[in-house]
Amino acid sequence: MKKIKFAGIMVALFFVASFAAGPAWTTKRLTNTATETYDPAIAADGAYVYVVWDDSQSGNSEIYFRKSADSGATWGAAKRLTYTTSKSLVPTVAADGAIVYVAWHDSAPGHDEIFFRKSLDGGATWQSAKRITNNAAGSVCPKLAVDGSKVYLVWYGSATGNIEIYFAKSLDGGATWKAAKRLTDNEGKSYVPDIAVAGANIYVVWYDDTPGNNEIYFKRSTDGGETWEGAKRLTSNPGASQAPAIAANGSKVYVVWLDDTTGNKEIYLRKSADGGATWKTPKKLTNNVADSEDPAIAVIGEQVYLTFDDYTPGNWDIYFKQSVDGGTSWTASQNLTNTAGGSAWPRIAATAANIFIVYCDETPGNGETYVKVSL
């Protein structure tokens, strides 16, 4: 299974700890199609869990959605959210209770643009899709974050001729959107942003090849996205640092990424305890004989959860590890899948009661979407 797939534009343990390896899990298969499912994303709030993915069962790639209202125990039927003659790809989802927001990119306008849909009833019904971008060139790979009725969106695109990071926000739950802001203006290319929000603080991370190789950068706003501080470079390595993910709990901010400086790809973490003003030394979270890729992170209080995929078993499997002390120490890695078919694209969400990891697995013969729920 080939991972790090971003359609439209292509981009692409074991740390010894003194406590238990992690929770027990149950597995739910969310799709059963004759085609491949890709790019899953997940959000959770209270007992609500929402999953989106893209699938070409209709003949071209469309966005699909499933919901659980009981912390992943049972799931409603899949709903198709897009109906176009073009490709709808790389969805993202965020939620505030029963209010659900989904964004994706779609080539219906003749090139990729960002679209958005909202549900007020946990996904039972959906408002019409809104087109968020309208550029002469592509806009792809959106990521959402929400804080009540405030909705924040980042993506990357080539509207200016170079690939840069963009940001837009809505203060009324997505009904209207302020003009997009360009967050980067570099000689090199800026790719694959992720976003986290904590009150008025908005945190964005991405990777950039301006230094001559891929490095991780961070930017924050302390006034809800009205103004932005200068970018901070979080890595400075001879290898490539890419695929960053971010999570925040108040002033504590966590960034993970992959880096191949040591000869194969490993997962690293940096933490800020003051909202991104200063950063602790990077911590290497994996040390394997094969590649560790595609990290995703979630945080609840001092509990920090990491998932990634790893080729150490001889095929791609989904792994999990956690910290109970704000990222200072970590459990050994848990292989969650251990399948012959290969598993990829893990994404994670957490509540006070459960951890949820969604991913794709080719064990059935084609890529299907599964979710792991901690017990």
Protein backbone atom coordinates (compact mmCIF):
# COMPACT_ATOMS: atom_id res chain seq x y z
CA MET A 1 0.00 0.00 0.00
CA LYS A 2 1.50 3.32 -1.10
CA LYS A 3 0.85 6.03 1.46
CA ILE A 4 1.36 9.84 1.51
CA LYS A 5 -1.06 10.30 -1.41
CA PHE A 6 -2.37 13.79 -2.00
CA ALA A 7 -4.34 13.68 -5.22
CA GLY A 8 -4.17 16.77 -7.43
CA ILE A 9 -0.62 17.55 -6.25
CA MET A 10 1.57 14.65 -5.15
CA VAL A 11 3.69 14.96 -2.06
CA ALA A 12 4.20 12.67 -0.75
CA LEU A 13 9.45 1.97 18.41
CA PHE A 14 10.98 1.75 19.76
CA PHE A 15 11.52 4.09 22.67
CA VAL A 16 11.94 2.31 26.02
CA ALA A 17 9.47 3.43 28.68
CA SER A 18 8.69 2.25 32.15
CA PHE A 19 4.94 1.89 31.85
CA ALA A 20 2.41 -0.21 29.96
CA ALA A 21 2.30 -0.32 26.17
CA GLY A 22 -1.21 1.05 25.81
CA PRO A 23 -4.92 0.34 25.86
CA ALA A 24 -6.92 -2.56 24.48
CA TRP A 25 -8.78 -1.89 21.24
CA THR A 26 -11.82 -2.95 19.27
CA THR A 27 -11.94 -2.76 15.47
CA LYS A 28 -14.82 -1.67 13.23
CA ARG A 29 -14.80 -1.97 9.43
CA LEU A 30 -16.52 1.13 8.02
CA THR A 31 -16.47 0.37 4.28
CA ASN A 32 -17.09 -2.63 2.07
CA THR A 33 -16.70 -1.62 -1.56
CA ALA A 34 -15.23 -3.02 -4.75
CA THR A 35 -12.94 0.02 -5.06
CA GLU A 36 -10.21 1.62 -2.97
CA THR A 37 -10.95 4.01 -0.12
CA TYR A 38 -8.38 6.70 0.63
CA ASP A 39 -7.55 9.68 2.81
CA PRO A 40 -9.66 9.00 5.92
CA ALA A 41 -10.10 11.72 8.54
CA ILE A 42 -11.78 11.65 11.95
CA ALA A 43 -13.24 13.99 14.56
CA ALA A 44 -14.77 13.24 17.97
CA ASP A 45 -16.67 15.33 20.50
CA GLY A 46 -18.33 13.68 23.49
CA ALA A 47 -20.02 10.50 22.29
CA TYR A 48 -20.08 11.69 18.67
CA VAL A 49 -17.47 10.31 16.27
CA TYR A 50 -17.33 11.32 12.62
CA VAL A 51 -15.28 9.77 9.80
CA VAL A 52 -14.86 10.93 6.20
CA TRP A 53 -12.91 9.46 3.29
CA ASP A 54 -12.80 9.49 -0.51
CA ASP A 55 -13.87 6.55 -2.66
CA SER A 56 -14.27 5.95 -6.40
CA GLN A 57 -17.12 3.41 -6.27
CA SER A 58 -19.34 5.76 -8.28
CA GLY A 59 -16.82 5.87 -11.12
CA ASN A 60 -14.93 8.90 -9.90
CA SER A 61 -13.68 9.91 -6.48
CA GLU A 62 -16.34 11.26 -4.09
CA ILE A 63 -16.45 12.14 -0.38
CA TYR A 64 -18.27 9.82 2.04
CA PHE A 65 -19.23 10.17 5.70
CA ARG A 66 -20.17 7.91 8.62
CA LYS A 67 -21.19 8.76 12.17
CA SER A 68 -21.31 7.08 15.55
CA ALA A 69 -23.37 8.60 18.37
CA ASP A 70 -22.19 6.11 21.01
CA SER A 71 -18.40 6.52 21.06
CA GLY A 72 -17.80 4.17 18.16
CA ALA A 73 -19.86 1.20 19.37
CA THR A 74 -22.30 1.41 16.46
CA TRP A 75 -22.24 3.35 13.20
CA GLY A 76 -24.88 4.79 10.91
CA ALA A 77 -24.96 4.08 7.20
CA ALA A 78 -22.45 5.80 4.94
CA LYS A 79 -23.58 9.04 3.30
CA ARG A 80 -22.21 10.36 0.03
CA LEU A 81 -21.47 14.09 0.38
CA THR A 82 -20.36 14.98 -3.15
CA TYR A 83 -21.91 14.44 -6.57
CA THR A 84 -19.66 15.77 -9.32
CA THR A 85 -18.20 14.56 -12.60
CA SER A 86 -14.76 15.48 -11.28
CA LYS A 87 -12.60 14.21 -8.43
CA SER A 88 -13.42 15.10 -4.81
CA LEU A 89 -10.42 14.27 -2.65
CA VAL A 90 -8.59 14.54 0.69
CA PRO A 91 -11.47 15.39 3.05
CA THR A 92 -11.06 16.89 6.50
CA VAL A 93 -13.65 16.91 9.31
CA ALA A 94 -14.17 18.89 12.52
CA ALA A 95 -17.05 18.92 14.99
CA ASP A 96 -18.70 20.79 17.83
CA GLY A 97 -21.12 18.26 19.29
CA ALA A 98 -23.76 17.52 16.66
CA ILE A 99 -22.50 20.28 14.35
CA VAL A 100 -20.18 18.77 11.75
CA TYR A 101 -17.95 20.52 9.23
CA VAL A 102 -16.30 18.84 6.22
CA ALA A 103 -13.95 20.33 3.64
CA TRP A 104 -12.16 18.81 0.64
CA HIS A 105 -10.68 19.77 -2.71
CA ASP A 106 -12.48 19.21 -5.99
CA SER A 107 -11.44 19.64 -9.61
CA ALA A 108 -14.97 20.50 -10.86
CA PRO A 109 -13.98 24.13 -11.67
CA GLY A 110 -11.30 22.81 -14.05
CA HIS A 111 -8.60 22.76 -11.38
CA ASP A 112 -8.61 21.96 -7.68
CA GLU A 113 -10.51 24.29 -5.35
CA ILE A 114 -11.57 23.99 -1.70
CA PHE A 115 -15.21 23.18 -0.90
CA PHE A 116 -17.08 23.00 2.41
CA ARG A 117 -20.27 21.44 3.80
CA LYS A 118 -21.95 21.65 7.20
CA SER A 119 -24.48 19.56 9.12
CA LEU A 120 -26.43 20.80 12.14
CA ASP A 121 -27.82 17.41 13.13
CA GLY A 122 -24.85 15.09 13.39
CA GLY A 123 -24.70 14.36 9.69
CA ALA A 124 -28.34 13.39 9.15
CA THR A 125 -28.83 16.30 6.74
CA TRP A 126 -26.32 18.61 5.08
CA GLN A 127 -26.36 22.17 3.84
CA SER A 128 -25.34 22.84 0.26
CA ALA A 129 -21.64 22.82 -0.55
CA LYS A 130 -19.80 26.15 -0.48
CA ARG A 131 -16.81 26.94 -2.66
CA ILE A 132 -14.19 28.55 -0.41
CA THR A 133 -11.46 29.32 -2.96
CA ASN A 134 -11.62 30.78 -6.46
CA ASN A 135 -8.13 30.96 -7.88
CA ALA A 136 -6.51 30.60 -11.26
CA ALA A 137 -4.48 27.65 -9.97
CA GLY A 138 -4.93 24.73 -7.61
CA SER A 139 -5.85 24.81 -3.93
CA VAL A 140 -5.55 21.42 -2.20
CA CYS A 141 -5.36 19.40 1.00
CA PRO A 142 -7.51 21.47 3.41
CA LYS A 143 -7.46 21.06 7.19
CA LEU A 144 -10.21 22.27 9.55
CA ALA A 145 -10.31 23.36 13.18
CA VAL A 146 -13.32 24.69 15.11
CA ASP A 147 -13.98 26.59 18.31
CA GLY A 148 -17.73 26.92 18.78
CA SER A 149 -19.10 28.85 15.80
CA LYS A 150 -15.60 29.87 14.70
CA VAL A 151 -14.32 27.72 11.85
CA TYR A 152 -10.73 27.86 10.66
CA LEU A 153 -9.36 26.40 7.44
CA VAL A 154 -5.85 26.04 6.01
CA TRP A 155 -4.65 24.61 2.70
CA TYR A 156 -1.82 24.97 0.23
CA GLY A 157 -2.02 26.19 -3.33
CA SER A 158 -0.28 27.83 -6.26
CA ALA A 159 -2.49 30.89 -6.79
CA THR A 160 0.60 33.15 -6.91
CA GLY A 161 2.62 30.79 -9.10
CA ASN A 162 4.49 29.34 -6.13
CA ILE A 163 3.08 26.83 -3.65
CA GLU A 164 2.16 28.66 -0.44
CA ILE A 165 0.03 28.16 2.71
CA TYR A 166 -3.34 29.92 2.99
CA PHE A 167 -5.82 30.50 5.81
CA ALA A 168 -9.50 31.45 5.93
CA LYS A 169 -11.99 31.77 8.78
CA SER A 170 -15.70 31.98 9.42
CA LEU A 171 -17.18 33.53 12.55
CA ASP A 172 -20.72 32.24 11.95
CA GLY A 173 -20.29 28.49 11.61
CA GLY A 174 -19.33 28.57 7.96
CA ALA A 175 -22.23 30.67 6.68
CA THR A 176 -19.85 33.42 5.53
CA TRP A 177 -16.08 33.49 5.15
CA LYS A 178 -13.56 36.26 5.43
CA ALA A 179 -11.04 36.75 2.64
CA ALA A 180 -8.22 34.23 2.62
CA LYS A 181 -4.86 35.20 4.09
CA ARG A 182 -1.56 34.04 2.63
CA LEU A 183 0.58 32.77 5.52
CA THR A 184 3.81 32.12 3.61
CA ASP A 185 5.78 34.06 1.01
CA ASN A 186 8.93 32.04 0.40
CA GLU A 187 11.34 31.34 -2.42
CA GLY A 188 10.71 27.63 -1.98
CA LYS A 189 7.51 25.63 -1.81
CA SER A 190 5.34 25.28 1.30
CA TYR A 191 3.31 22.07 1.62
CA VAL A 192 0.68 20.20 3.61
CA PRO A 193 -0.37 22.43 6.52
CA ASP A 194 -2.07 21.29 9.70
CA ILE A 195 -3.96 23.47 12.18
CA ALA A 196 -4.94 23.50 15.85
CA VAL A 197 -6.92 26.04 17.87
CA ALA A 198 -6.98 26.90 21.58
CA GLY A 199 -9.27 29.85 22.25
CA ALA A 200 -7.96 32.91 20.40
CA ASN A 201 -4.69 31.14 19.64
CA ILE A 202 -4.44 29.47 16.24
CA TYR A 203 -1.44 27.34 15.41
CA VAL A 204 -0.38 26.26 11.91
CA VAL A 205 2.45 23.94 10.90
CA TRP A 206 3.74 22.89 7.47
CA TYR A 207 6.90 21.83 5.69
CA ASP A 208 8.93 24.03 3.34
CA ASP A 209 11.87 23.44 0.99
CA THR A 210 13.19 27.02 1.02
CA PRO A 211 16.36 26.04 2.96
CA GLY A 212 17.28 23.56 0.20
CA ASN A 213 15.64 20.56 1.83
CA ASN A 214 12.30 20.05 3.54
CA GLU A 215 12.04 21.58 7.02
CA ILE A 216 9.14 22.05 9.48
CA TYR A 217 7.78 25.55 10.11
CA PHE A 218 5.26 26.93 12.60
CA LYS A 219 3.18 30.09 12.72
CA ARG A 220 0.68 31.39 15.27
CA SER A 221 -2.02 33.98 15.67
CA THR A 222 -3.10 35.14 19.14
CA ASP A 223 -6.15 37.08 17.94
CA GLY A 224 -8.23 34.48 16.14
CA GLY A 225 -6.40 34.74 12.84
CA GLU A 226 -6.62 38.49 12.34
CA THR A 227 -2.85 38.94 12.53
CA TRP A 228 -0.01 36.45 12.42
CA GLU A 229 3.46 36.39 13.91
CA GLY A 230 6.49 35.49 11.85
CA ALA A 231 7.18 31.85 11.06
CA LYS A 232 9.40 29.76 13.33
CA ARG A 233 11.60 27.05 11.87
CA LEU A 234 11.29 23.96 14.06
CA THR A 235 13.84 21.71 12.32
CA SER A 236 17.30 22.14 10.86
CA ASN A 237 18.53 18.75 9.70
CA PRO A 238 20.59 17.40 6.79
CA GLY A 239 17.72 15.07 5.92
CA ALA A 240 14.15 15.82 4.91
CA SER A 241 11.57 16.74 7.56
CA GLN A 242 7.96 16.53 6.35
CA ALA A 243 4.37 15.38 6.99
CA PRO A 244 3.86 17.50 10.15
CA ALA A 245 0.82 17.21 12.42
CA ILE A 246 -0.16 19.44 15.34
CA ALA A 247 -2.32 19.30 18.47
CA ALA A 248 -2.84 21.82 21.26
CA ASN A 249 -4.23 21.96 24.78
CA GLY A 250 -4.31 25.56 25.94
CA SER A 251 -0.76 26.92 25.81
CA LYS A 252 0.75 23.47 25.28
CA VAL A 253 1.42 22.76 21.62
CA TYR A 254 2.73 19.50 20.18
CA VAL A 255 4.15 19.01 16.68
CA VAL A 256 5.16 15.65 15.19
CA TRP A 257 6.76 14.92 11.83
CA LEU A 258 8.90 12.39 9.99
CA ASP A 259 12.61 12.86 9.28
CA ASP A 260 15.06 10.70 7.32
CA THR A 261 18.31 12.17 8.65
CA THR A 262 19.34 8.89 10.31
CA GLY A 263 18.99 6.93 7.05
CA ASN A 264 15.39 5.83 7.35
CA LYS A 265 12.27 7.77 8.26
CA GLU A 266 11.60 8.25 11.97
CA ILE A 267 8.98 10.20 13.96
CA TYR A 268 10.01 13.23 16.01
CA LEU A 269 8.19 15.50 18.46
CA ARG A 270 8.63 19.08 19.62
CA LYS A 271 6.60 20.66 22.39
CA SER A 272 5.96 24.25 23.41
CA ALA A 273 4.58 25.03 26.87
CA ASP A 274 3.96 28.72 26.10
CA GLY A 275 1.76 28.71 23.03
CA GLY A 276 4.57 28.37 20.53
CA ALA A 277 6.77 31.23 21.81
CA THR A 278 9.58 28.82 22.72
CA TRP A 279 10.15 25.15 21.95
CA LYS A 280 11.79 22.25 23.74
CA THR A 281 14.48 20.14 22.11
CA PRO A 282 13.14 17.65 19.53
CA LYS A 283 12.44 14.16 20.86
CA LYS A 284 12.88 11.10 18.66
CA LEU A 285 9.88 8.83 19.20
CA THR A 286 10.80 5.90 16.94
CA ASN A 287 14.00 4.01 16.26
CA ASN A 288 13.26 1.22 13.84
CA VAL A 289 14.99 -0.77 11.10
CA ALA A 290 12.40 0.38 8.56
CA ASP A 291 10.50 3.56 7.80
CA SER A 292 8.03 5.19 10.21
CA GLU A 293 5.72 7.61 8.40
CA ASP A 294 2.52 9.62 8.40
CA PRO A 295 2.27 10.65 12.09
CA ALA A 296 -0.93 12.00 13.64
CA ILE A 297 -1.37 13.34 17.16
CA ALA A 298 -4.14 14.14 19.65
CA VAL A 299 -4.05 15.55 23.18
CA ILE A 300 -6.44 15.46 26.14
CA GLY A 301 -5.01 17.20 29.20
CA GLU A 302 -1.59 15.65 29.88
CA GLN A 303 -2.45 12.60 27.76
CA VAL A 304 -0.75 12.78 24.36
CA TYR A 305 -1.55 10.16 21.73
CA LEU A 306 0.45 9.34 18.61
CA THR A 307 -0.31 7.08 15.68
CA PHE A 308 1.82 6.39 12.60
CA ASP A 309 2.48 3.67 10.07
CA ASP A 310 5.64 1.60 10.02
CA TYR A 311 7.25 -0.92 7.67
CA THR A 312 9.30 -2.77 10.30
CA PRO A 313 7.13 -5.96 10.17
CA GLY A 314 7.79 -6.25 6.40
CA ASN A 315 4.60 -4.48 5.34
CA TRP A 316 2.88 -1.31 6.49
CA ASP A 317 1.12 -1.53 9.86
CA ILE A 318 -0.53 1.07 12.10
CA TYR A 319 1.21 1.79 15.40
CA PHE A 320 0.23 3.69 18.54
CA LYS A 321 2.07 5.12 21.50
CA GLN A 322 1.09 7.49 24.29
CA SER A 323 2.44 9.81 26.95
CA VAL A 324 0.67 10.44 30.26
CA ASP A 325 2.93 13.32 31.29
CA GLY A 326 2.59 15.84 28.49
CA GLY A 327 5.10 14.23 26.16
CA THR A 328 8.01 13.78 28.59
CA SER A 329 7.97 9.98 28.57
CA TRP A 330 6.32 7.55 26.17
CA THR A 331 5.11 3.98 26.10
CA ALA A 332 6.60 1.42 23.78
CA SER A 333 4.88 1.27 20.40
CA GLN A 334 1.83 -0.94 19.90
CA ASN A 335 1.22 -2.59 16.53
CA LEU A 336 -2.54 -2.15 16.09
CA THR A 337 -3.05 -3.95 12.79
CA ASN A 338 -0.40 -6.63 12.13
CA THR A 339 -2.06 -7.64 8.87
CA ALA A 340 -0.68 -9.20 5.70
CA GLY A 341 -2.47 -6.72 3.48
CA GLY A 342 -0.89 -3.48 4.62
CA SER A 343 -2.40 -0.56 6.55
CA ALA A 344 -1.86 3.16 5.94
CA TRP A 345 -3.07 6.76 6.45
CA PRO A 346 -3.75 6.67 10.19
CA ARG A 347 -5.61 9.64 11.70
CA ILE A 348 -6.49 10.08 15.36
CA ALA A 349 -9.06 11.78 17.59
CA ALA A 350 -9.62 11.51 21.32
CA THR A 351 -12.15 12.35 24.01
CA ALA A 352 -11.88 12.02 27.77
CA ALA A 353 -13.28 8.49 27.46
CA ASN A 354 -11.82 7.02 24.26
CA ILE A 355 -9.16 7.17 21.57
CA PHE A 356 -10.17 6.68 17.92
CA ILE A 357 -7.81 5.81 15.06
CA VAL A 358 -9.07 5.59 11.49
CA TYR A 359 -6.98 4.08 8.70
CA CYS A 360 -7.12 2.12 5.44
CA ASP A 361 -6.24 -1.57 5.13
CA GLU A 362 -5.82 -3.73 2.02
CA THR A 363 -6.32 -7.08 3.76
CA PRO A 364 -9.77 -7.59 2.13
CA GLY A 365 -8.11 -7.34 -1.31
CA ASN A 366 -8.66 -3.62 -1.79
CA GLY A 367 -8.24 -0.67 0.50
CA GLU A 368 -11.07 -0.40 3.05
CA THR A 369 -11.54 2.06 5.92
CA TYR A 370 -11.39 0.82 9.50
CA VAL A 371 -11.54 2.46 12.91
CA LYS A 372 -9.88 1.35 16.14
CA VAL A 373 -11.60 2.34 19.39
CA SER A 374 -9.82 2.12 22.74
CA LEU A 375 -11.58 0.10 25.43
